[in-house]
Amino acid sequence: MDTEQEEMQFMGLYGVYRESYKIIFAWSKVFNKITLTLILPLSFIFLIHIEVSNILFGKILHNTQQMMETPQDTPQYHNLTNMLSSEWAIFILFKLLYFTFLLVFSLLSTSAAVYTVASIYTSREVTFSKVMNVVPKVWKRLMVTFLCTFVAFFAYNVMTLVVFVIWALAIGLRNGGVVVLVVLGMLYFAGFVYLTVVWQLASVVTVLEEDTCGVRAMMKTNELIKGRIGLTVLIFLKLVISFGLIQFLFKKTVVQGWKLGSVDRTIYGVVCLVLFSQLYLFQLVIQTVLYFVCKSYHHQNIDKSALSDHLEVYHGEYEPLKAKDVQMEECHV
């Protein structure tokens, strides 16, 4: 990473993108191995679940429609009921397996990418074997942070549901109720985006800073993004739109069989898989770069030599960055 930390506080959208691209390009050998080992399987799991879910849920809808048109207390009706129960059980089991594997590969990918970027930042020699040696020791901390953010999202959605119920009972669609509904919807979306941004950067904090995971990582991230919230939200929204476009293309070309010329849907599937995996890697690198940008913005200069020592893999032991290694300094202009 050529940019000094003091200069990173002035980075905007273009600067963060450029720095991330430079890191990936300069260390493409390591990042390619991370992508093939962790990110590509994650991308495959995400995309294939769309196809499988469409098939399974399509059968459920078809049999549900048939059951509604079949007289009750008939052998055919009972057969359809049993079939639907089995199909719902398979569908739920598939979703549980999907979320489990997606979560595991997501945590492992985040650990690998953040550790790699931090090693590059400290000018350390980073190899794929070192990265994979550290990853299993970091993902458990990330799991704690994920569970805390999951609880936060759950509480947020419950509170939102309560607010919308109160709106429906007290105002409804009369007396300007539609305007209130729109405002509530916009506030919910803003809060959801903010929580997601906090979750993503809290993952970086969890990997790099000792004794900082879960709620502590979220609180630290909340303080860290102050003053740079506009940049972080803008980057997040652009990435979400990009992921959405890839998912839309996959649904249209692979799931629904839409064709452009004579191109087979398998080709579209491979293209979507490559695009998704590369974009996911780019997102992980951006998250780590944003961490250093926010640190620099708040004049929290990280001692590179200390960070380098803590990133050292020694007899399989991994030590994240301690709080004392972050020096709080005032910059006088």
Protein backbone atom coordinates (compact mmCIF):
# COMPACT_ATOMS: atom_id res chain seq x y z
CA MET A 1 0.00 0.00 0.00
CA ASP A 2 1.86 3.06 -1.29
CA THR A 3 -0.37 5.73 0.23
CA GLU A 4 0.73 6.99 3.64
CA GLN A 5 -1.89 6.90 6.37
CA GLU A 6 -1.78 10.67 6.87
CA GLU A 7 -2.84 11.09 3.24
CA MET A 8 -5.64 8.54 3.45
CA GLN A 9 -7.89 10.88 5.45
CA PHE A 10 -8.43 12.93 2.28
CA MET A 11 -9.46 9.96 0.13
CA GLY A 12 -12.81 10.14 -1.57
CA LEU A 13 -14.77 7.60 -3.58
CA TYR A 14 -12.31 7.52 -6.47
CA GLY A 15 -9.31 7.35 -4.14
CA VAL A 16 -10.69 4.35 -2.23
CA TYR A 17 -11.52 2.53 -5.47
CA ARG A 18 -8.08 3.28 -6.94
CA GLU A 19 -6.26 2.14 -3.79
CA SER A 20 -8.29 -1.08 -3.68
CA TYR A 21 -7.62 -1.86 -7.34
CA LYS A 22 -3.90 -1.18 -6.89
CA ILE A 23 -3.73 -3.59 -3.93
CA ILE A 24 -5.56 -6.37 -5.77
CA PHE A 25 -3.54 -5.91 -8.95
CA ALA A 26 -0.15 -5.72 -7.20
CA TRP A 27 -0.85 -8.82 -5.09
CA SER A 28 -2.98 -10.67 -7.61
CA LYS A 29 -1.24 -14.01 -6.99
CA VAL A 30 -2.37 -14.16 -3.33
CA PHE A 31 -5.81 -12.71 -4.00
CA ASN A 32 -6.41 -15.11 -6.89
CA LYS A 33 -5.74 -18.05 -4.56
CA ILE A 34 -8.05 -16.57 -1.91
CA THR A 35 -10.72 -16.15 -4.56
CA LEU A 36 -10.40 -19.70 -5.90
CA THR A 37 -10.31 -21.26 -2.43
CA LEU A 38 -12.90 -19.23 -0.52
CA ILE A 39 -14.71 -16.59 -2.54
CA LEU A 40 -15.51 -18.66 -5.63
CA PRO A 41 -17.23 -21.41 -3.57
CA LEU A 42 -19.16 -18.71 -1.71
CA SER A 43 -20.26 -17.15 -5.00
CA PHE A 44 -21.27 -20.55 -6.39
CA ILE A 45 -23.31 -21.32 -3.26
CA PHE A 46 -25.08 -17.96 -3.47
CA LEU A 47 -25.95 -18.23 -7.16
CA ILE A 48 -26.87 -21.92 -7.23
CA HIS A 49 -29.25 -21.45 -4.31
CA ILE A 50 -31.27 -19.07 -6.49
CA GLU A 51 -31.73 -21.82 -9.11
CA VAL A 52 -32.48 -24.57 -6.58
CA SER A 53 -34.84 -22.37 -4.55
CA ASN A 54 -36.73 -21.48 -7.71
CA ILE A 55 -37.18 -25.17 -8.57
CA LEU A 56 -38.21 -26.24 -5.06
CA PHE A 57 -40.57 -23.31 -4.49
CA GLY A 58 -42.05 -23.76 -7.96
CA LYS A 59 -43.05 -27.31 -7.05
CA ILE A 60 -44.57 -26.08 -3.77
CA LEU A 61 -46.66 -23.46 -5.57
CA HIS A 62 -47.79 -25.96 -8.19
CA ASN A 63 -48.87 -28.55 -5.62
CA THR A 64 -50.52 -25.89 -3.47
CA GLN A 65 -52.59 -24.76 -6.45
CA GLN A 66 -53.56 -28.36 -7.18
CA MET A 67 -54.53 -28.95 -3.56
CA MET A 68 -56.78 -25.88 -3.58
CA GLU A 69 -58.57 -27.26 -6.63
CA THR A 70 -58.90 -30.79 -5.17
CA PRO A 71 -61.89 -31.74 -2.96
CA GLN A 72 -60.99 -32.38 0.65
CA ASP A 73 -61.17 -35.83 2.25
CA THR A 74 -60.09 -37.50 -0.97
CA PRO A 75 -57.02 -39.73 -1.45
CA GLN A 76 -55.55 -37.24 -3.93
CA TYR A 77 -55.96 -34.39 -1.45
CA HIS A 78 -54.18 -36.34 1.30
CA ASN A 79 -51.39 -37.30 -1.11
CA LEU A 80 -50.92 -33.66 -2.06
CA THR A 81 -50.88 -32.66 1.63
CA ASN A 82 -48.18 -35.21 2.43
CA MET A 83 -46.22 -34.18 -0.63
CA LEU A 84 -46.40 -30.51 0.35
CA SER A 85 -45.21 -31.29 3.88
CA SER A 86 -42.20 -33.14 2.48
CA GLU A 87 -41.43 -30.38 -0.02
CA TRP A 88 -41.60 -27.69 2.66
CA ALA A 89 -39.31 -29.76 4.90
CA ILE A 90 -36.80 -30.14 2.04
CA PHE A 91 -37.03 -26.42 1.22
CA ILE A 92 -36.42 -25.34 4.83
CA LEU A 93 -33.55 -27.83 5.23
CA PHE A 94 -31.99 -26.56 2.01
CA LYS A 95 -32.23 -22.96 3.23
CA LEU A 96 -30.61 -23.85 6.56
CA LEU A 97 -27.73 -25.61 4.80
CA TYR A 98 -27.38 -22.70 2.40
CA PHE A 99 -27.16 -20.07 5.14
CA THR A 100 -24.73 -22.22 7.13
CA PHE A 101 -22.28 -22.71 4.26
CA LEU A 102 -22.70 -19.10 3.11
CA LEU A 103 -21.91 -17.81 6.60
CA VAL A 104 -18.84 -20.04 7.01
CA PHE A 105 -17.32 -19.08 3.67
CA SER A 106 -18.21 -15.43 4.24
CA LEU A 107 -16.37 -15.35 7.58
CA LEU A 108 -13.37 -17.21 6.18
CA SER A 109 -13.19 -14.92 3.13
CA THR A 110 -13.39 -11.81 5.30
CA SER A 111 -10.63 -13.10 7.59
CA ALA A 112 -8.34 -13.86 4.65
CA ALA A 113 -8.90 -10.58 2.79
CA VAL A 114 -8.58 -8.31 5.83
CA TYR A 115 -5.43 -10.08 7.06
CA THR A 116 -3.88 -9.87 3.57
CA VAL A 117 -4.58 -6.14 3.13
CA ALA A 118 -3.27 -5.39 6.64
CA SER A 119 -0.09 -7.34 5.87
CA ILE A 120 0.36 -5.37 2.65
CA TYR A 121 -0.21 -2.14 4.58
CA THR A 122 2.68 -3.00 6.90
CA SER A 123 4.90 -3.96 3.93
CA ARG A 124 5.11 -7.55 5.13
CA GLU A 125 5.73 -10.43 2.82
CA VAL A 126 2.40 -12.17 2.62
CA THR A 127 1.88 -15.65 1.23
CA PHE A 128 -1.23 -17.73 0.74
CA SER A 129 -0.03 -20.35 3.25
CA LYS A 130 0.35 -17.67 5.95
CA VAL A 131 -3.11 -16.34 5.21
CA MET A 132 -4.71 -19.78 5.44
CA ASN A 133 -2.86 -20.46 8.69
CA VAL A 134 -4.36 -17.35 10.29
CA VAL A 135 -7.91 -17.66 8.92
CA PRO A 136 -9.14 -20.52 11.18
CA LYS A 137 -8.09 -18.56 14.27
CA VAL A 138 -9.91 -15.38 13.26
CA TRP A 139 -13.28 -16.56 12.01
CA LYS A 140 -14.50 -17.46 15.52
CA ARG A 141 -14.14 -13.81 16.56
CA LEU A 142 -16.00 -12.80 13.43
CA MET A 143 -18.78 -15.21 14.36
CA VAL A 144 -19.27 -13.36 17.66
CA THR A 145 -19.54 -10.06 15.79
CA PHE A 146 -21.96 -11.58 13.30
CA LEU A 147 -24.22 -12.92 16.06
CA CYS A 148 -24.29 -9.51 17.75
CA THR A 149 -25.18 -7.78 14.48
CA PHE A 150 -27.82 -10.43 13.83
CA VAL A 151 -29.41 -9.64 17.20
CA ALA A 152 -29.20 -5.92 16.39
CA PHE A 153 -30.92 -6.44 13.03
CA PHE A 154 -33.58 -8.63 14.65
CA ALA A 155 -34.31 -6.04 17.36
CA TYR A 156 -34.36 -3.27 14.76
CA ASN A 157 -36.88 -5.13 12.59
CA VAL A 158 -39.08 -5.96 15.60
CA MET A 159 -39.12 -2.31 16.65
CA THR A 160 -39.93 -1.29 13.09
CA LEU A 161 -42.79 -3.77 12.96
CA VAL A 162 -44.20 -2.34 16.20
CA VAL A 163 -43.99 1.19 14.75
CA PHE A 164 -45.80 0.15 11.57
CA VAL A 165 -48.51 -1.62 13.57
CA ILE A 166 -49.03 1.55 15.63
CA TRP A 167 -49.19 3.54 12.38
CA ALA A 168 -51.80 1.15 10.94
CA LEU A 169 -53.97 1.29 14.08
CA ALA A 170 -53.63 5.01 14.80
CA ILE A 171 -53.48 6.60 11.34
CA GLY A 172 -53.71 4.12 8.48
CA LEU A 173 -54.14 5.47 4.97
CA ARG A 174 -56.32 8.39 6.04
CA ASN A 175 -55.37 11.93 7.13
CA GLY A 176 -51.99 11.98 5.43
CA GLY A 177 -51.17 8.44 6.50
CA VAL A 178 -49.50 7.68 3.16
CA VAL A 179 -46.99 10.48 3.70
CA VAL A 180 -46.21 9.16 7.17
CA LEU A 181 -45.79 5.67 5.74
CA VAL A 182 -43.31 6.94 3.13
CA VAL A 183 -41.32 8.79 5.79
CA LEU A 184 -41.26 5.71 8.03
CA GLY A 185 -40.13 3.59 5.07
CA MET A 186 -37.29 6.00 4.28
CA LEU A 187 -36.20 6.07 7.92
CA TYR A 188 -36.24 2.27 8.07
CA PHE A 189 -34.12 2.02 4.93
CA ALA A 190 -31.62 4.57 6.25
CA GLY A 191 -31.31 2.69 9.54
CA PHE A 192 -30.92 -0.63 7.75
CA VAL A 193 -28.15 0.72 5.53
CA TYR A 194 -26.37 2.24 8.54
CA LEU A 195 -26.49 -1.06 10.47
CA THR A 196 -25.13 -2.91 7.45
CA VAL A 197 -22.22 -0.46 7.07
CA VAL A 198 -21.43 -0.82 10.78
CA TRP A 199 -21.50 -4.62 10.45
CA GLN A 200 -19.10 -4.63 7.50
CA LEU A 201 -16.51 -2.35 9.12
CA ALA A 202 -16.96 -4.05 12.49
CA SER A 203 -15.71 -7.22 10.80
CA VAL A 204 -12.45 -5.45 9.93
CA VAL A 205 -12.13 -4.08 13.47
CA THR A 206 -12.71 -7.59 14.83
CA VAL A 207 -9.88 -9.06 12.77
CA LEU A 208 -7.31 -6.33 13.43
CA GLU A 209 -7.89 -5.24 17.02
CA GLU A 210 -7.52 -7.43 20.09
CA ASP A 211 -10.40 -7.90 22.54
CA THR A 212 -12.64 -6.03 20.13
CA CYS A 213 -15.46 -8.13 18.78
CA GLY A 214 -19.19 -8.30 19.05
CA VAL A 215 -20.81 -5.23 20.61
CA ARG A 216 -17.45 -3.56 21.29
CA ALA A 217 -16.52 -3.82 17.62
CA MET A 218 -19.86 -2.32 16.60
CA MET A 219 -19.53 0.55 19.06
CA LYS A 220 -15.97 1.23 17.92
CA THR A 221 -17.09 1.20 14.30
CA ASN A 222 -19.92 3.58 15.11
CA GLU A 223 -17.36 6.09 16.39
CA LEU A 224 -14.95 5.35 13.56
CA ILE A 225 -17.29 6.17 10.68
CA LYS A 226 -18.35 9.54 12.11
CA GLY A 227 -17.37 12.18 9.59
CA ARG A 228 -17.00 9.57 6.83
CA ILE A 229 -20.52 8.16 6.89
CA GLY A 230 -21.37 9.71 3.51
CA LEU A 231 -18.43 7.99 1.83
CA THR A 232 -19.09 4.61 3.45
CA VAL A 233 -22.81 4.66 2.62
CA LEU A 234 -22.16 5.73 -0.99
CA ILE A 235 -19.68 2.90 -1.51
CA PHE A 236 -22.07 0.42 0.12
CA LEU A 237 -25.00 1.46 -2.08
CA LYS A 238 -22.91 1.27 -5.26
CA LEU A 239 -21.77 -2.25 -4.32
CA VAL A 240 -25.33 -3.34 -3.47
CA ILE A 241 -26.57 -2.09 -6.84
CA SER A 242 -23.73 -3.95 -8.61
CA PHE A 243 -24.52 -7.18 -6.75
CA GLY A 244 -28.20 -6.68 -7.55
CA LEU A 245 -27.47 -6.31 -11.27
CA ILE A 246 -25.45 -9.55 -11.30
CA GLN A 247 -28.23 -11.36 -9.43
CA PHE A 248 -30.82 -9.94 -11.87
CA LEU A 249 -28.74 -11.10 -14.84
CA PHE A 250 -28.40 -14.58 -13.31
CA LYS A 251 -32.15 -14.87 -12.69
CA LYS A 252 -33.04 -13.76 -16.20
CA THR A 253 -30.45 -15.76 -18.13
CA VAL A 254 -29.94 -18.90 -16.03
CA VAL A 255 -33.07 -19.35 -13.92
CA GLN A 256 -35.65 -18.08 -16.41
CA GLY A 257 -33.70 -19.09 -19.53
CA TRP A 258 -33.66 -15.67 -21.22
CA LYS A 259 -31.29 -15.71 -24.21
CA LEU A 260 -29.37 -13.12 -26.16
CA GLY A 261 -28.63 -14.73 -29.48
CA SER A 262 -27.42 -18.33 -29.32
CA VAL A 263 -25.44 -18.04 -26.08
CA ASP A 264 -26.08 -21.01 -23.79
CA ARG A 265 -27.27 -20.29 -20.27
CA THR A 266 -24.24 -22.15 -18.89
CA ILE A 267 -22.02 -19.39 -20.32
CA TYR A 268 -24.17 -16.78 -18.59
CA GLY A 269 -23.84 -18.73 -15.35
CA VAL A 270 -20.05 -18.79 -15.58
CA VAL A 271 -19.94 -15.07 -16.39
CA CYS A 272 -22.16 -14.25 -13.40
CA LEU A 273 -20.04 -16.49 -11.16
CA VAL A 274 -16.81 -14.72 -12.18
CA LEU A 275 -18.35 -11.25 -11.88
CA PHE A 276 -19.82 -12.01 -8.47
CA SER A 277 -16.59 -13.46 -7.06
CA GLN A 278 -14.47 -10.56 -8.32
CA LEU A 279 -16.91 -7.99 -6.99
CA TYR A 280 -17.03 -9.73 -3.61
CA LEU A 281 -13.22 -9.66 -3.39
CA PHE A 282 -13.27 -5.98 -4.30
CA GLN A 283 -15.81 -5.33 -1.53
CA LEU A 284 -13.65 -7.05 1.11
CA VAL A 285 -10.57 -5.06 0.10
CA ILE A 286 -12.58 -1.83 0.11
CA GLN A 287 -13.82 -2.54 3.66
CA THR A 288 -10.24 -2.80 4.91
CA VAL A 289 -9.09 0.29 3.03
CA LEU A 290 -12.03 2.20 4.52
CA TYR A 291 -10.89 1.11 7.99
CA PHE A 292 -7.52 2.79 7.45
CA VAL A 293 -9.19 5.83 5.85
CA CYS A 294 -11.44 6.29 8.90
CA LYS A 295 -8.48 5.79 11.25
CA SER A 296 -6.56 8.46 9.39
CA TYR A 297 -9.56 10.82 9.36
CA HIS A 298 -9.70 10.66 13.18
CA HIS A 299 -5.88 11.00 13.40
CA GLN A 300 -5.55 7.53 14.88
CA ASN A 301 -2.21 6.61 13.35
CA ILE A 302 -1.44 2.90 13.55
CA ASP A 303 2.16 1.95 14.26
CA LYS A 304 3.05 -0.17 11.23
CA SER A 305 5.85 -2.01 12.98
CA ALA A 306 3.57 -2.91 15.89
CA LEU A 307 0.82 -4.02 13.53
CA SER A 308 3.37 -6.06 11.60
CA ASP A 309 4.44 -7.85 14.78
CA HIS A 310 0.86 -8.68 15.67
CA LEU A 311 0.17 -10.02 12.20
CA GLU A 312 3.15 -12.35 12.43
CA VAL A 313 2.29 -16.00 12.37
CA TYR A 314 4.55 -17.70 14.89
CA HIS A 315 4.09 -21.37 15.63
CA GLY A 316 0.52 -21.03 14.42
CA GLU A 317 -0.37 -18.28 16.89
CA TYR A 318 -2.18 -15.17 15.71
CA GLU A 319 -2.25 -11.90 17.63
CA PRO A 320 -4.53 -9.11 16.46
CA LEU A 321 -3.72 -5.44 16.89
CA LYS A 322 -3.88 -4.21 20.48
CA ALA A 323 -5.43 -0.92 21.47
CA LYS A 324 -2.09 0.43 22.69
CA ASP A 325 -0.69 0.10 19.17
CA VAL A 326 -3.09 2.76 17.94
CA GLN A 327 -1.53 6.10 18.77
CA MET A 328 -3.93 9.01 19.16
CA GLU A 329 -2.29 12.10 17.72
CA GLU A 330 -3.43 15.61 16.91
CA CYS A 331 -2.51 16.93 13.50
CA HIS A 332 -1.75 20.64 13.48
CA VAL A 333 -2.00 22.43 10.19
